[in-house]
Amino acid sequence: MIFLFGEKLRELRIEKNLKQEELGEILNVSKATISSWEMNRTQPPFEIVKKIVDFFNVSPNFLFGFSDDDIAKID
């Protein structure tokens, strides 16, 4: 499975008409950090993932690109 976190984060940010710098301010990280996440160079720590999920009102499964079928396979 392709790691989709960065792509999903970028989509969500653009849907809210936020620049990387603005999202960085909301999450208390730098624009460079947001860029790194969106390019899948690095991943945020759990605490930040929780902030992202809460801010965008999405599930962690959506954010990481897991489908219901993927979750069923894990169970």
N, C-alpha and C. Protein backbone atom coordinates (compact mmCIF):
# COMPACT_ATOMS: atom_id res chain seq x y z
N MET A 1 0.84 -1.19 0.00
CA MET A 1 0.00 0.00 0.00
C MET A 1 0.88 1.25 0.00
N ILE A 2 0.53 2.20 -0.79
CA ILE A 2 1.27 3.44 -0.87
C ILE A 2 0.93 4.30 0.33
N PHE A 3 1.95 4.89 0.92
CA PHE A 3 1.75 5.76 2.08
C PHE A 3 1.16 7.08 1.60
N LEU A 4 -0.07 7.38 2.03
CA LEU A 4 -0.81 8.53 1.52
C LEU A 4 -0.91 9.71 2.47
N PHE A 5 -0.27 9.64 3.63
CA PHE A 5 -0.44 10.71 4.61
C PHE A 5 -0.18 12.09 4.02
N GLY A 6 0.95 12.27 3.37
CA GLY A 6 1.31 13.59 2.83
C GLY A 6 0.30 14.11 1.83
N GLU A 7 -0.15 13.22 0.96
CA GLU A 7 -1.14 13.60 -0.05
C GLU A 7 -2.46 14.01 0.61
N LYS A 8 -2.89 13.24 1.59
CA LYS A 8 -4.15 13.56 2.29
C LYS A 8 -4.02 14.88 3.05
N LEU A 9 -2.90 15.08 3.70
CA LEU A 9 -2.70 16.32 4.44
C LEU A 9 -2.75 17.52 3.50
N ARG A 10 -2.09 17.40 2.38
CA ARG A 10 -2.09 18.50 1.40
C ARG A 10 -3.51 18.78 0.90
N GLU A 11 -4.25 17.72 0.58
CA GLU A 11 -5.64 17.88 0.12
C GLU A 11 -6.47 18.62 1.16
N LEU A 12 -6.36 18.19 2.40
CA LEU A 12 -7.13 18.82 3.48
C LEU A 12 -6.75 20.29 3.66
N ARG A 13 -5.46 20.56 3.60
CA ARG A 13 -4.98 21.93 3.78
C ARG A 13 -5.51 22.82 2.66
N ILE A 14 -5.46 22.34 1.44
CA ILE A 14 -5.93 23.13 0.29
C ILE A 14 -7.44 23.33 0.35
N GLU A 15 -8.18 22.29 0.76
CA GLU A 15 -9.63 22.43 0.90
C GLU A 15 -10.01 23.55 1.87
N LYS A 16 -9.19 23.74 2.89
CA LYS A 16 -9.44 24.81 3.88
C LYS A 16 -8.79 26.12 3.47
N ASN A 17 -8.22 26.16 2.27
CA ASN A 17 -7.54 27.36 1.77
C ASN A 17 -6.45 27.86 2.72
N LEU A 18 -5.68 26.92 3.23
CA LEU A 18 -4.59 27.27 4.13
C LEU A 18 -3.26 27.12 3.41
N LYS A 19 -2.36 28.04 3.68
CA LYS A 19 -0.98 27.90 3.21
C LYS A 19 -0.25 27.01 4.20
N GLN A 20 0.87 26.47 3.76
CA GLN A 20 1.66 25.63 4.66
C GLN A 20 2.04 26.39 5.92
N GLU A 21 2.39 27.63 5.77
CA GLU A 21 2.77 28.45 6.92
C GLU A 21 1.62 28.60 7.90
N GLU A 22 0.41 28.79 7.37
CA GLU A 22 -0.76 28.96 8.24
C GLU A 22 -1.07 27.67 9.01
N LEU A 23 -0.99 26.53 8.33
CA LEU A 23 -1.22 25.27 9.02
C LEU A 23 -0.13 25.04 10.05
N GLY A 24 1.09 25.41 9.70
CA GLY A 24 2.19 25.30 10.66
C GLY A 24 1.93 26.10 11.92
N GLU A 25 1.40 27.30 11.77
CA GLU A 25 1.08 28.12 12.94
C GLU A 25 0.01 27.46 13.79
N ILE A 26 -0.98 26.87 13.15
CA ILE A 26 -2.07 26.19 13.88
C ILE A 26 -1.51 25.00 14.67
N LEU A 27 -0.59 24.28 14.06
CA LEU A 27 -0.03 23.08 14.68
C LEU A 27 1.24 23.35 15.48
N ASN A 28 1.68 24.60 15.46
CA ASN A 28 2.89 25.02 16.18
C ASN A 28 4.14 24.32 15.65
N VAL A 29 4.23 24.25 14.31
CA VAL A 29 5.42 23.72 13.64
C VAL A 29 5.78 24.66 12.49
N SER A 30 6.92 24.47 11.90
CA SER A 30 7.36 25.35 10.82
C SER A 30 6.73 24.97 9.48
N LYS A 31 6.79 25.91 8.55
CA LYS A 31 6.34 25.65 7.18
C LYS A 31 7.16 24.50 6.58
N ALA A 32 8.44 24.47 6.87
CA ALA A 32 9.31 23.41 6.36
C ALA A 32 8.87 22.03 6.87
N THR A 33 8.38 21.98 8.09
CA THR A 33 7.90 20.72 8.65
C THR A 33 6.65 20.26 7.91
N ILE A 34 5.72 21.18 7.66
CA ILE A 34 4.51 20.84 6.91
C ILE A 34 4.91 20.32 5.52
N SER A 35 5.83 21.01 4.88
CA SER A 35 6.30 20.60 3.56
C SER A 35 6.89 19.20 3.61
N SER A 36 7.68 18.93 4.60
CA SER A 36 8.31 17.61 4.75
C SER A 36 7.27 16.52 4.92
N TRP A 37 6.22 16.80 5.69
CA TRP A 37 5.14 15.82 5.87
C TRP A 37 4.41 15.60 4.56
N GLU A 38 4.09 16.70 3.86
CA GLU A 38 3.34 16.58 2.62
C GLU A 38 4.12 15.83 1.54
N MET A 39 5.43 15.89 1.61
CA MET A 39 6.26 15.18 0.64
C MET A 39 6.65 13.78 1.14
N ASN A 40 6.07 13.39 2.27
CA ASN A 40 6.32 12.08 2.89
C ASN A 40 7.79 11.84 3.20
N ARG A 41 8.51 12.90 3.47
CA ARG A 41 9.91 12.75 3.90
C ARG A 41 9.97 12.36 5.37
N THR A 42 9.07 12.92 6.16
CA THR A 42 8.99 12.61 7.58
C THR A 42 7.51 12.50 7.95
N GLN A 43 7.25 11.97 9.11
CA GLN A 43 5.89 11.86 9.61
C GLN A 43 5.81 12.57 10.96
N PRO A 44 4.63 13.12 11.24
CA PRO A 44 4.47 13.82 12.51
C PRO A 44 4.37 12.84 13.68
N PRO A 45 4.70 13.32 14.88
CA PRO A 45 4.49 12.47 16.06
C PRO A 45 2.99 12.32 16.33
N PHE A 46 2.66 11.34 17.13
CA PHE A 46 1.27 11.02 17.43
C PHE A 46 0.48 12.25 17.92
N GLU A 47 1.09 13.04 18.79
CA GLU A 47 0.39 14.20 19.35
C GLU A 47 -0.05 15.16 18.24
N ILE A 48 0.77 15.32 17.24
CA ILE A 48 0.43 16.21 16.12
C ILE A 48 -0.61 15.56 15.22
N VAL A 49 -0.51 14.25 15.02
CA VAL A 49 -1.53 13.56 14.23
C VAL A 49 -2.90 13.79 14.86
N LYS A 50 -2.96 13.71 16.18
CA LYS A 50 -4.23 13.95 16.89
C LYS A 50 -4.73 15.36 16.62
N LYS A 51 -3.84 16.34 16.66
CA LYS A 51 -4.24 17.72 16.36
C LYS A 51 -4.76 17.86 14.93
N ILE A 52 -4.10 17.20 14.00
CA ILE A 52 -4.51 17.26 12.59
C ILE A 52 -5.90 16.63 12.42
N VAL A 53 -6.08 15.46 13.00
CA VAL A 53 -7.37 14.76 12.93
C VAL A 53 -8.48 15.64 13.52
N ASP A 54 -8.21 16.23 14.67
CA ASP A 54 -9.22 17.08 15.32
C ASP A 54 -9.49 18.34 14.51
N PHE A 55 -8.45 18.98 14.01
CA PHE A 55 -8.61 20.23 13.27
C PHE A 55 -9.42 20.02 11.99
N PHE A 56 -9.09 18.97 11.25
CA PHE A 56 -9.76 18.73 9.97
C PHE A 56 -11.01 17.85 10.12
N ASN A 57 -11.24 17.36 11.32
CA ASN A 57 -12.42 16.53 11.60
C ASN A 57 -12.48 15.32 10.67
N VAL A 58 -11.37 14.59 10.62
CA VAL A 58 -11.29 13.37 9.83
C VAL A 58 -10.80 12.23 10.74
N SER A 59 -10.94 11.01 10.26
CA SER A 59 -10.44 9.87 11.03
C SER A 59 -8.97 9.66 10.72
N PRO A 60 -8.25 9.09 11.66
CA PRO A 60 -6.85 8.72 11.37
C PRO A 60 -6.77 7.77 10.17
N ASN A 61 -7.75 6.89 10.03
CA ASN A 61 -7.75 5.96 8.90
C ASN A 61 -7.77 6.72 7.58
N PHE A 62 -8.62 7.74 7.48
CA PHE A 62 -8.67 8.56 6.27
C PHE A 62 -7.32 9.23 6.03
N LEU A 63 -6.77 9.81 7.09
CA LEU A 63 -5.53 10.57 6.97
C LEU A 63 -4.38 9.71 6.47
N PHE A 64 -4.36 8.45 6.88
CA PHE A 64 -3.28 7.56 6.47
C PHE A 64 -3.64 6.69 5.27
N GLY A 65 -4.84 6.93 4.71
CA GLY A 65 -5.22 6.24 3.48
C GLY A 65 -5.71 4.82 3.65
N PHE A 66 -6.12 4.45 4.88
CA PHE A 66 -6.65 3.11 5.10
C PHE A 66 -8.13 3.08 4.76
N SER A 67 -8.53 2.03 4.08
CA SER A 67 -9.95 1.82 3.78
C SER A 67 -10.54 0.88 4.83
N ASP A 68 -11.85 0.74 4.81
CA ASP A 68 -12.50 -0.21 5.72
C ASP A 68 -12.01 -1.63 5.44
N ASP A 69 -11.75 -1.94 4.17
CA ASP A 69 -11.23 -3.27 3.83
C ASP A 69 -9.85 -3.50 4.44
N ASP A 70 -9.01 -2.47 4.43
CA ASP A 70 -7.68 -2.59 5.04
C ASP A 70 -7.79 -2.88 6.52
N ILE A 71 -8.69 -2.19 7.19
CA ILE A 71 -8.88 -2.35 8.63
C ILE A 71 -9.41 -3.75 8.92
N ALA A 72 -10.34 -4.24 8.11
CA ALA A 72 -10.89 -5.58 8.29
C ALA A 72 -9.79 -6.64 8.18
N LYS A 73 -8.84 -6.43 7.29
CA LYS A 73 -7.73 -7.38 7.13
C LYS A 73 -6.84 -7.41 8.36
N ILE A 74 -6.70 -6.26 9.02
CA ILE A 74 -5.89 -6.18 10.23
C ILE A 74 -6.55 -6.94 11.37
N ASP A 75 -7.89 -6.80 11.47
CA ASP A 75 -8.64 -7.49 12.53
C ASP A 75 -8.51 -8.97 12.35
